[in-house]
């Protein structure tokens, strides 16, 4: 279903997702959404569905460290939907947060062990979602 709707932002910055879109996506009260923006000042709204996981890592700020972390996700069949990184201490630590589709990951506990074993991860927090409804 492709659809376009014009909605207003209220005084608290909220928008209302029209009923037919909520119904189509199976969104209920309390459902989490991912908002992502791009350089064209557009943003995309995606349901944060079952099998989607948020992960926050603090990793070493060394050349290639993020590439090795991403490689671990790839080997475990994880699809990185969006990510953001920021330097905490230049040359020392970076915070990396990502939203990941883990539905094809056969061994989530093994994934966490492999991330820890990479030698780059200093701190890790994961938040796996329940169904969007």
N, C-alpha and C. Protein backbone atom coordinates (compact mmCIF):
# COMPACT_ATOMS: atom_id res chain seq x y z
N UNK A 1 0.85 -1.18 0.00
CA UNK A 1 0.00 0.00 0.00
C UNK A 1 0.89 1.23 0.00
N UNK A 2 0.73 2.06 -1.02
CA UNK A 2 1.41 3.35 -1.03
C UNK A 2 0.37 4.39 -0.71
N UNK A 3 0.76 5.35 0.10
CA UNK A 3 -0.19 6.34 0.53
C UNK A 3 0.56 7.60 0.95
N UNK A 4 -0.07 8.73 0.81
CA UNK A 4 0.49 10.00 1.29
C UNK A 4 -0.61 10.73 2.04
N UNK A 5 -0.26 11.26 3.18
CA UNK A 5 -1.20 12.00 4.01
C UNK A 5 -0.54 13.27 4.50
N UNK A 6 -1.31 14.30 4.65
CA UNK A 6 -0.83 15.53 5.26
C UNK A 6 -1.31 15.52 6.71
N UNK A 7 -0.38 15.66 7.64
CA UNK A 7 -0.72 15.71 9.06
C UNK A 7 -0.10 16.96 9.66
N UNK A 8 -0.63 17.38 10.80
CA UNK A 8 -0.11 18.57 11.49
C UNK A 8 0.65 18.14 12.73
N UNK A 9 1.66 18.91 13.05
CA UNK A 9 2.39 18.71 14.30
C UNK A 9 1.70 19.58 15.35
N UNK A 10 1.36 18.97 16.51
CA UNK A 10 0.69 19.75 17.55
C UNK A 10 1.72 20.54 18.37
N UNK A 11 1.24 21.27 19.36
CA UNK A 11 2.11 22.15 20.15
C UNK A 11 3.18 21.40 20.93
N UNK A 12 3.00 20.09 21.12
CA UNK A 12 3.99 19.28 21.83
C UNK A 12 4.88 18.49 20.87
N UNK A 13 4.79 18.77 19.57
CA UNK A 13 5.63 18.11 18.58
C UNK A 13 5.11 16.75 18.14
N UNK A 14 3.89 16.42 18.48
CA UNK A 14 3.33 15.10 18.14
C UNK A 14 2.58 15.16 16.81
N UNK A 15 2.55 14.00 16.13
CA UNK A 15 1.73 13.85 14.94
C UNK A 15 0.82 12.65 15.17
N UNK A 16 -0.30 12.65 14.48
CA UNK A 16 -1.21 11.51 14.54
C UNK A 16 -1.05 10.71 13.26
N UNK A 17 -0.77 9.42 13.42
CA UNK A 17 -0.69 8.52 12.27
C UNK A 17 -2.12 8.14 11.92
N UNK A 18 -2.58 8.42 10.70
CA UNK A 18 -3.97 8.12 10.33
C UNK A 18 -4.33 6.66 10.58
N UNK A 19 -5.59 6.43 10.92
CA UNK A 19 -6.07 5.10 11.29
C UNK A 19 -5.77 4.06 10.23
N UNK A 20 -6.04 4.36 8.95
CA UNK A 20 -5.85 3.35 7.92
C UNK A 20 -4.39 2.90 7.80
N UNK A 21 -3.46 3.78 8.12
CA UNK A 21 -2.04 3.40 8.11
C UNK A 21 -1.71 2.57 9.34
N UNK A 22 -2.20 2.99 10.51
CA UNK A 22 -1.99 2.19 11.73
C UNK A 22 -2.56 0.80 11.57
N UNK A 23 -3.77 0.72 10.99
CA UNK A 23 -4.43 -0.56 10.79
C UNK A 23 -3.64 -1.44 9.81
N UNK A 24 -3.20 -0.86 8.72
CA UNK A 24 -2.44 -1.59 7.71
C UNK A 24 -1.14 -2.15 8.29
N UNK A 25 -0.45 -1.36 9.13
CA UNK A 25 0.82 -1.78 9.71
C UNK A 25 0.65 -2.59 11.00
N UNK A 26 -0.58 -2.68 11.48
CA UNK A 26 -0.82 -3.43 12.71
C UNK A 26 -0.32 -2.70 13.95
N UNK A 27 -0.31 -1.39 13.90
CA UNK A 27 0.18 -0.59 15.03
C UNK A 27 -0.93 -0.36 16.05
N UNK A 28 -0.59 -0.57 17.30
CA UNK A 28 -1.52 -0.35 18.40
C UNK A 28 -0.91 0.65 19.37
N UNK A 29 -1.70 1.11 20.31
CA UNK A 29 -1.20 2.03 21.33
C UNK A 29 0.04 1.44 22.01
N UNK A 30 1.06 2.23 22.14
CA UNK A 30 2.30 1.77 22.77
C UNK A 30 3.32 1.21 21.80
N UNK A 31 2.94 1.03 20.52
CA UNK A 31 3.88 0.51 19.53
C UNK A 31 5.05 1.49 19.38
N UNK A 32 6.23 0.97 19.18
CA UNK A 32 7.41 1.80 18.99
C UNK A 32 7.65 1.99 17.50
N UNK A 33 8.11 3.19 17.15
CA UNK A 33 8.43 3.52 15.77
C UNK A 33 9.86 4.01 15.69
N UNK A 34 10.50 3.76 14.57
CA UNK A 34 11.84 4.28 14.30
C UNK A 34 11.69 5.44 13.35
N UNK A 35 12.24 6.59 13.70
CA UNK A 35 12.25 7.75 12.82
C UNK A 35 13.67 7.94 12.33
N UNK A 36 13.86 8.04 11.03
CA UNK A 36 15.19 8.31 10.49
C UNK A 36 15.08 9.47 9.51
N UNK A 37 16.11 10.29 9.48
CA UNK A 37 16.11 11.45 8.58
C UNK A 37 17.28 11.31 7.61
N UNK A 38 17.23 12.14 6.57
CA UNK A 38 18.32 12.12 5.59
C UNK A 38 18.75 13.56 5.30
N UNK A 39 19.73 13.68 4.41
CA UNK A 39 20.28 15.00 4.09
C UNK A 39 19.31 15.88 3.31
N UNK A 40 18.21 15.32 2.81
CA UNK A 40 17.21 16.09 2.07
C UNK A 40 16.13 16.66 2.99
N UNK A 41 16.34 16.54 4.30
CA UNK A 41 15.36 17.00 5.31
C UNK A 41 14.04 16.25 5.19
N UNK A 42 14.14 14.96 4.85
CA UNK A 42 12.98 14.06 4.82
C UNK A 42 13.15 13.09 5.97
N UNK A 43 12.05 12.54 6.44
CA UNK A 43 12.21 11.47 7.42
C UNK A 43 11.27 10.33 7.12
N UNK A 44 11.72 9.15 7.55
CA UNK A 44 11.00 7.92 7.32
C UNK A 44 10.54 7.40 8.68
N UNK A 45 9.33 6.86 8.71
CA UNK A 45 8.79 6.25 9.92
C UNK A 45 8.65 4.77 9.64
N UNK A 46 9.29 3.94 10.50
CA UNK A 46 9.22 2.49 10.33
C UNK A 46 8.75 1.86 11.63
N UNK A 47 7.88 0.88 11.55
CA UNK A 47 7.48 0.17 12.77
C UNK A 47 8.68 -0.57 13.34
N UNK A 48 8.79 -0.55 14.65
CA UNK A 48 9.83 -1.27 15.37
C UNK A 48 9.25 -2.63 15.70
N UNK A 49 9.37 -3.58 14.76
CA UNK A 49 8.66 -4.84 14.81
C UNK A 49 9.38 -5.91 15.61
N UNK A 50 8.65 -6.98 15.90
CA UNK A 50 9.24 -8.13 16.56
C UNK A 50 10.42 -8.62 15.73
N UNK A 51 11.49 -8.97 16.41
CA UNK A 51 12.69 -9.39 15.72
C UNK A 51 13.64 -8.25 15.45
N UNK A 52 13.24 -7.05 15.82
CA UNK A 52 14.09 -5.89 15.68
C UNK A 52 14.73 -5.65 17.04
N UNK A 53 15.98 -5.29 17.02
CA UNK A 53 16.72 -5.10 18.26
C UNK A 53 17.47 -3.78 18.20
N UNK A 54 17.52 -3.11 19.33
CA UNK A 54 18.36 -1.92 19.46
C UNK A 54 19.61 -2.37 20.19
N UNK A 55 20.74 -1.94 19.72
CA UNK A 55 21.99 -2.28 20.40
C UNK A 55 22.82 -1.02 20.57
N UNK A 56 23.37 -0.88 21.74
CA UNK A 56 24.27 0.24 22.05
C UNK A 56 25.61 -0.34 22.45
N UNK A 57 26.65 0.08 21.77
CA UNK A 57 28.00 -0.39 22.07
C UNK A 57 28.90 0.79 22.36
N UNK A 58 29.84 0.60 23.25
CA UNK A 58 30.97 1.50 23.39
C UNK A 58 32.15 0.67 22.91
N UNK A 59 32.82 1.18 21.87
CA UNK A 59 33.91 0.42 21.27
C UNK A 59 35.19 1.26 21.22
N UNK A 60 36.31 0.56 21.03
CA UNK A 60 37.59 1.24 20.88
C UNK A 60 37.58 2.10 19.64
N UNK A 61 38.13 3.30 19.74
CA UNK A 61 38.23 4.20 18.59
C UNK A 61 39.57 3.96 17.90
N UNK A 62 39.62 2.85 17.16
CA UNK A 62 40.82 2.47 16.42
C UNK A 62 40.42 2.23 14.97
N UNK A 63 41.32 2.47 14.02
CA UNK A 63 40.98 2.22 12.62
C UNK A 63 40.51 0.78 12.41
N UNK A 64 39.37 0.63 11.75
CA UNK A 64 38.83 -0.68 11.43
C UNK A 64 37.96 -1.32 12.50
N UNK A 65 37.86 -0.70 13.67
CA UNK A 65 37.09 -1.33 14.75
C UNK A 65 35.60 -1.44 14.39
N UNK A 66 35.01 -0.39 13.84
CA UNK A 66 33.60 -0.46 13.48
C UNK A 66 33.38 -1.46 12.35
N UNK A 67 34.27 -1.51 11.40
CA UNK A 67 34.16 -2.48 10.30
C UNK A 67 34.16 -3.91 10.83
N UNK A 68 34.98 -4.18 11.83
CA UNK A 68 35.02 -5.54 12.40
C UNK A 68 33.73 -5.85 13.15
N UNK A 69 33.15 -4.85 13.81
CA UNK A 69 31.88 -5.04 14.53
C UNK A 69 30.77 -5.33 13.51
N UNK A 70 30.72 -4.55 12.44
CA UNK A 70 29.71 -4.76 11.40
C UNK A 70 29.88 -6.15 10.76
N UNK A 71 31.11 -6.59 10.60
CA UNK A 71 31.37 -7.92 10.05
C UNK A 71 30.78 -9.02 10.95
N UNK A 72 30.84 -8.84 12.26
CA UNK A 72 30.25 -9.83 13.18
C UNK A 72 28.74 -9.92 12.93
N UNK A 73 28.08 -8.78 12.78
CA UNK A 73 26.64 -8.79 12.49
C UNK A 73 26.35 -9.49 11.16
N UNK A 74 27.18 -9.22 10.17
CA UNK A 74 27.00 -9.84 8.85
C UNK A 74 27.13 -11.36 8.94
N UNK A 75 28.12 -11.85 9.65
CA UNK A 75 28.32 -13.29 9.78
C UNK A 75 27.15 -13.97 10.49
N UNK A 76 26.42 -13.22 11.29
CA UNK A 76 25.27 -13.77 12.01
C UNK A 76 23.94 -13.48 11.29
N UNK A 77 24.02 -13.06 10.03
CA UNK A 77 22.83 -12.82 9.21
C UNK A 77 21.95 -11.70 9.74
N UNK A 78 22.52 -10.70 10.40
CA UNK A 78 21.76 -9.56 10.92
C UNK A 78 21.76 -8.44 9.89
N UNK A 79 20.63 -7.78 9.75
CA UNK A 79 20.47 -6.66 8.82
C UNK A 79 20.45 -5.37 9.63
N UNK A 80 21.44 -4.51 9.42
CA UNK A 80 21.51 -3.23 10.14
C UNK A 80 20.58 -2.26 9.42
N UNK A 81 19.49 -1.87 10.10
CA UNK A 81 18.49 -0.99 9.50
C UNK A 81 18.92 0.47 9.56
N UNK A 82 19.54 0.85 10.66
CA UNK A 82 20.06 2.21 10.80
C UNK A 82 21.07 2.21 11.94
N UNK A 83 22.03 3.13 11.87
CA UNK A 83 23.01 3.23 12.94
C UNK A 83 23.54 4.65 13.04
N UNK A 84 24.15 4.92 14.18
CA UNK A 84 24.73 6.24 14.43
C UNK A 84 25.93 6.04 15.35
N UNK A 85 26.99 6.76 15.06
CA UNK A 85 28.15 6.68 15.94
C UNK A 85 28.60 8.09 16.31
N UNK A 86 29.22 8.19 17.48
CA UNK A 86 29.76 9.47 17.91
C UNK A 86 30.99 9.22 18.78
N UNK A 87 31.95 10.09 18.67
CA UNK A 87 33.18 9.95 19.43
C UNK A 87 32.92 10.38 20.87
N UNK A 88 33.31 9.52 21.80
CA UNK A 88 33.23 9.85 23.22
C UNK A 88 34.55 10.45 23.70
N UNK A 89 35.64 9.82 23.27
CA UNK A 89 36.98 10.30 23.59
C UNK A 89 37.85 10.00 22.38
N UNK A 90 38.24 11.06 21.67
CA UNK A 90 38.97 10.90 20.41
C UNK A 90 40.19 10.00 20.58
N UNK A 91 40.27 9.00 19.69
CA UNK A 91 41.37 8.06 19.74
C UNK A 91 41.24 6.99 20.80
N UNK A 92 40.10 7.02 21.53
CA UNK A 92 39.93 6.06 22.62
C UNK A 92 38.61 5.31 22.56
N UNK A 93 37.49 6.06 22.60
CA UNK A 93 36.18 5.42 22.68
C UNK A 93 35.15 6.05 21.74
N UNK A 94 34.29 5.18 21.18
CA UNK A 94 33.19 5.60 20.31
C UNK A 94 31.91 4.93 20.79
N UNK A 95 30.81 5.68 20.78
CA UNK A 95 29.50 5.10 21.06
C UNK A 95 28.85 4.80 19.71
N UNK A 96 28.33 3.58 19.56
CA UNK A 96 27.66 3.17 18.33
C UNK A 96 26.32 2.59 18.71
N UNK A 97 25.26 3.13 18.11
CA UNK A 97 23.90 2.63 18.35
C UNK A 97 23.31 2.22 17.03
N UNK A 98 22.57 1.11 17.06
CA UNK A 98 22.00 0.59 15.82
C UNK A 98 20.64 -0.05 16.07
N UNK A 99 19.83 -0.05 15.03
CA UNK A 99 18.59 -0.81 15.02
C UNK A 99 18.83 -1.93 14.03
N UNK A 100 18.63 -3.16 14.50
CA UNK A 100 19.03 -4.33 13.73
C UNK A 100 17.89 -5.32 13.63
N UNK A 101 17.69 -5.85 12.43
CA UNK A 101 16.73 -6.94 12.22
C UNK A 101 17.48 -8.24 12.50
N UNK A 102 17.07 -8.93 13.56
CA UNK A 102 17.76 -10.17 13.96
C UNK A 102 16.92 -11.41 13.67
N UNK A 103 15.90 -11.29 12.83
CA UNK A 103 15.01 -12.43 12.59
C UNK A 103 15.72 -13.61 11.94
N UNK A 104 16.80 -13.38 11.19
CA UNK A 104 17.53 -14.49 10.57
C UNK A 104 18.72 -14.96 11.41
N UNK A 105 18.96 -14.30 12.52
CA UNK A 105 20.07 -14.67 13.40
C UNK A 105 19.67 -15.93 14.17
N UNK A 106 20.41 -16.99 13.96
CA UNK A 106 20.07 -18.28 14.56
C UNK A 106 20.50 -18.38 16.03
N UNK A 107 21.52 -17.62 16.43
CA UNK A 107 22.07 -17.75 17.79
C UNK A 107 22.39 -16.38 18.39
N UNK A 108 21.36 -15.65 18.89
CA UNK A 108 21.60 -14.31 19.44
C UNK A 108 22.63 -14.27 20.57
N UNK A 109 22.63 -15.29 21.42
CA UNK A 109 23.61 -15.31 22.52
C UNK A 109 25.03 -15.46 21.96
N UNK A 110 25.16 -16.24 20.90
CA UNK A 110 26.47 -16.41 20.25
C UNK A 110 26.92 -15.09 19.61
N UNK A 111 25.96 -14.35 19.04
CA UNK A 111 26.26 -13.04 18.47
C UNK A 111 26.88 -12.14 19.54
N UNK A 112 26.24 -12.08 20.71
CA UNK A 112 26.76 -11.25 21.80
C UNK A 112 28.15 -11.70 22.22
N UNK A 113 28.37 -13.01 22.28
CA UNK A 113 29.69 -13.53 22.65
C UNK A 113 30.73 -13.16 21.60
N UNK A 114 30.35 -13.24 20.32
CA UNK A 114 31.29 -12.90 19.25
C UNK A 114 31.62 -11.41 19.25
N UNK A 115 30.63 -10.58 19.57
CA UNK A 115 30.91 -9.14 19.68
C UNK A 115 31.90 -8.88 20.81
N UNK A 116 31.65 -9.50 21.96
CA UNK A 116 32.55 -9.32 23.09
C UNK A 116 33.95 -9.85 22.77
N UNK A 117 34.03 -10.97 22.03
CA UNK A 117 35.30 -11.59 21.70
C UNK A 117 36.09 -10.80 20.65
N UNK A 118 35.44 -9.83 19.99
CA UNK A 118 36.12 -9.05 18.96
C UNK A 118 37.30 -8.26 19.53
N UNK A 119 37.26 -8.00 20.83
CA UNK A 119 38.32 -7.22 21.46
C UNK A 119 38.09 -5.72 21.39
N UNK A 120 37.07 -5.29 20.64
CA UNK A 120 36.81 -3.86 20.49
C UNK A 120 35.69 -3.36 21.40
N UNK A 121 34.78 -4.25 21.80
CA UNK A 121 33.60 -3.85 22.57
C UNK A 121 33.98 -3.68 24.04
N UNK A 122 33.73 -2.48 24.55
CA UNK A 122 34.00 -2.18 25.96
C UNK A 122 32.74 -2.26 26.81
N UNK A 123 31.59 -1.98 26.17
CA UNK A 123 30.31 -1.99 26.88
C UNK A 123 29.23 -2.32 25.85
N UNK A 124 28.22 -3.11 26.27
CA UNK A 124 27.16 -3.52 25.34
C UNK A 124 25.82 -3.54 26.06
N UNK A 125 24.79 -3.02 25.38
CA UNK A 125 23.42 -3.10 25.88
C UNK A 125 22.52 -3.41 24.70
N UNK A 126 21.65 -4.41 24.85
CA UNK A 126 20.70 -4.74 23.79
C UNK A 126 19.28 -4.65 24.33
N UNK A 127 18.38 -4.32 23.43
CA UNK A 127 16.97 -4.19 23.78
C UNK A 127 16.17 -4.82 22.66
N UNK A 128 15.73 -6.04 22.86
CA UNK A 128 14.95 -6.75 21.83
C UNK A 128 13.48 -6.41 22.00
N UNK A 129 12.78 -6.18 20.90
CA UNK A 129 11.39 -5.77 20.97
C UNK A 129 10.45 -6.94 21.02
N UNK A 130 9.23 -6.62 21.44
CA UNK A 130 8.10 -7.56 21.33
C UNK A 130 7.32 -7.12 20.11
N UNK A 131 6.23 -7.78 19.84
CA UNK A 131 5.40 -7.44 18.68
C UNK A 131 4.96 -5.98 18.75
N UNK A 132 4.75 -5.39 17.59
CA UNK A 132 4.38 -3.98 17.50
C UNK A 132 3.00 -3.69 18.05
N UNK A 133 2.17 -4.66 18.23
CA UNK A 133 0.82 -4.44 18.74
C UNK A 133 0.81 -4.55 20.16
